[in-house]
């Protein structure tokens, strides 16, 4: 099993090295909008696959060790988990609003649609985050 885990880690390294970053360079080198869009979609999928592989490796390591996953203390300056989640929600909602504003000024329909789709993803991310931790309660 250790060999397989090492192979997964090798794949993870390769994905981080030539995955999304390499596809970004390829997209930047293309002049055809349709080809660029196709490579950008592959880039998004590669980023998602990279994150999933990272999770699989972590879960595999815990399973092999026979130890349950332990919660890690947040590394952000003294905030508790609920405060961190709340700040992430605020950032996602603000990003969505800024993306919608940018869409209104987009120079063409294709960019407008992409910006609006990204804004929708940000709103969905905020909604998903809202289910993770209870809201922060102000103690006054």
Protein backbone atom coordinates (compact mmCIF):
# COMPACT_ATOMS: atom_id res chain seq x y z
CA UNK A 1 0.00 0.00 0.00
CA UNK A 2 2.88 2.37 0.68
CA UNK A 3 4.02 2.10 -2.93
CA UNK A 4 0.56 3.02 -4.22
CA UNK A 5 0.38 5.98 -1.87
CA UNK A 6 3.78 7.14 -3.12
CA UNK A 7 2.52 6.79 -6.70
CA UNK A 8 -0.49 8.94 -5.81
CA UNK A 9 1.86 11.53 -4.36
CA UNK A 10 3.88 11.47 -7.58
CA UNK A 11 0.70 12.09 -9.58
CA UNK A 12 -0.15 14.92 -7.19
CA UNK A 13 3.27 16.50 -7.75
CA UNK A 14 2.92 16.22 -11.51
CA UNK A 15 -0.58 17.70 -11.41
CA UNK A 16 0.61 20.64 -9.35
CA UNK A 17 3.59 21.16 -11.63
CA UNK A 18 2.06 20.84 -15.08
CA UNK A 19 -1.68 20.70 -14.35
CA UNK A 20 -3.56 23.99 -13.96
CA UNK A 21 -0.43 26.14 -14.28
CA UNK A 22 0.68 24.43 -17.49
CA UNK A 23 -2.81 24.61 -18.94
CA UNK A 24 -2.91 28.31 -18.11
CA UNK A 25 0.28 28.85 -20.09
CA UNK A 26 -1.20 26.87 -22.98
CA UNK A 27 -4.43 28.90 -22.89
CA UNK A 28 -2.43 32.12 -22.89
CA UNK A 29 -0.59 30.98 -26.02
CA UNK A 30 -3.80 30.34 -27.99
CA UNK A 31 -5.48 33.00 -30.07
CA UNK A 32 -8.66 31.11 -30.99
CA UNK A 33 -11.37 31.93 -28.41
CA UNK A 34 -13.03 28.51 -28.64
CA UNK A 35 -9.74 26.67 -28.16
CA UNK A 36 -8.83 28.97 -25.28
CA UNK A 37 -12.20 28.32 -23.64
CA UNK A 38 -11.74 24.55 -24.03
CA UNK A 39 -8.30 24.67 -22.41
CA UNK A 40 -9.61 26.90 -19.60
CA UNK A 41 -12.33 24.31 -18.92
CA UNK A 42 -9.67 21.60 -18.78
CA UNK A 43 -7.72 23.82 -16.39
CA UNK A 44 -10.71 24.11 -14.05
CA UNK A 45 -11.18 20.34 -14.13
CA UNK A 46 -7.46 19.81 -13.45
CA UNK A 47 -7.63 22.12 -10.43
CA UNK A 48 -10.66 20.24 -9.10
CA UNK A 49 -8.99 16.88 -9.69
CA UNK A 50 -5.87 18.11 -7.92
CA UNK A 51 -7.88 19.06 -4.83
CA UNK A 52 -9.71 15.72 -4.87
CA UNK A 53 -6.43 13.83 -5.16
CA UNK A 54 -5.05 15.79 -2.20
CA UNK A 55 -8.08 14.73 -0.15
CA UNK A 56 -7.74 11.11 -1.25
CA UNK A 57 -4.08 11.01 -0.22
CA UNK A 58 -4.90 12.48 3.18
CA UNK A 59 -7.77 10.02 3.72
CA UNK A 60 -5.59 7.12 2.54
CA UNK A 61 -2.85 8.07 5.00
CA UNK A 62 -5.34 8.20 7.87
CA UNK A 63 -6.86 4.85 6.85
CA UNK A 64 -3.47 3.12 6.64
CA UNK A 65 -2.41 4.57 9.98
CA UNK A 66 -5.70 3.42 11.51
CA UNK A 67 -6.21 6.83 13.04
CA UNK A 68 -9.28 9.00 12.61
CA UNK A 69 -8.88 12.46 11.16
CA UNK A 70 -8.37 15.10 13.82
CA UNK A 71 -9.54 18.65 13.43
CA UNK A 72 -6.68 21.08 12.93
CA UNK A 73 -6.59 24.41 14.65
CA UNK A 74 -7.19 27.25 12.19
CA UNK A 75 -3.99 29.04 11.28
CA UNK A 76 -5.68 32.41 10.81
CA UNK A 77 -4.81 34.94 13.59
CA UNK A 78 -6.82 33.75 16.56
CA UNK A 79 -10.23 33.48 14.90
CA UNK A 80 -12.42 30.52 15.71
CA UNK A 81 -13.89 28.34 12.98
CA UNK A 82 -17.25 30.13 12.90
CA UNK A 83 -15.53 33.50 12.45
CA UNK A 84 -13.33 32.16 9.68
CA UNK A 85 -16.30 30.65 7.86
CA UNK A 86 -18.24 33.89 8.27
CA UNK A 87 -15.35 35.90 6.80
CA UNK A 88 -15.11 33.47 3.86
CA UNK A 89 -18.85 33.87 3.26
CA UNK A 90 -18.48 37.64 3.22
CA UNK A 91 -15.60 37.44 0.75
CA UNK A 92 -17.53 35.08 -1.54
CA UNK A 93 -20.64 37.30 -1.49
CA UNK A 94 -18.55 40.44 -2.12
CA UNK A 95 -16.76 38.71 -4.98
CA UNK A 96 -20.09 37.70 -6.49
CA UNK A 97 -21.33 41.30 -6.36
CA UNK A 98 -18.13 42.65 -7.92
CA UNK A 99 -18.33 40.04 -10.68
CA UNK A 100 -21.94 41.03 -11.44
CA UNK A 101 -20.88 44.68 -11.63
CA UNK A 102 -18.03 43.81 -13.96
CA UNK A 103 -20.46 41.82 -16.13
CA UNK A 104 -22.52 44.97 -16.70
CA UNK A 105 -19.42 46.62 -18.21
CA UNK A 106 -18.10 43.59 -20.10
CA UNK A 107 -17.04 44.41 -23.66
CA UNK A 108 -18.92 41.40 -25.13
CA UNK A 109 -21.58 38.81 -24.34
CA UNK A 110 -19.11 35.95 -23.96
CA UNK A 111 -17.22 37.72 -21.17
CA UNK A 112 -20.48 38.87 -19.58
CA UNK A 113 -21.74 35.26 -19.46
CA UNK A 114 -18.48 34.01 -17.99
CA UNK A 115 -18.51 36.69 -15.30
CA UNK A 116 -22.13 35.96 -14.40
CA UNK A 117 -21.42 32.23 -14.24
CA UNK A 118 -18.49 32.89 -11.92
CA UNK A 119 -20.66 35.17 -9.77
CA UNK A 120 -23.21 32.37 -9.48
CA UNK A 121 -20.47 29.95 -8.41
CA UNK A 122 -19.31 32.41 -5.74
CA UNK A 123 -22.89 32.74 -4.40
CA UNK A 124 -23.25 28.97 -4.35
CA UNK A 125 -19.95 28.67 -2.50
CA UNK A 126 -21.17 31.21 0.07
CA UNK A 127 -24.40 29.27 0.51
CA UNK A 128 -22.46 26.02 0.97
CA UNK A 129 -20.13 27.63 3.50
CA UNK A 130 -23.14 28.92 5.44
CA UNK A 131 -24.11 25.31 6.21
CA UNK A 132 -20.69 24.47 7.70
CA UNK A 133 -20.62 26.53 10.88
CA UNK A 134 -23.21 28.43 12.88
CA UNK A 135 -23.27 32.19 12.43
CA UNK A 136 -21.01 34.27 14.65
CA UNK A 137 -22.91 35.63 17.64
CA UNK A 138 -21.89 39.10 18.78
CA UNK A 139 -21.47 39.26 22.55
CA UNK A 140 -22.44 42.73 23.59
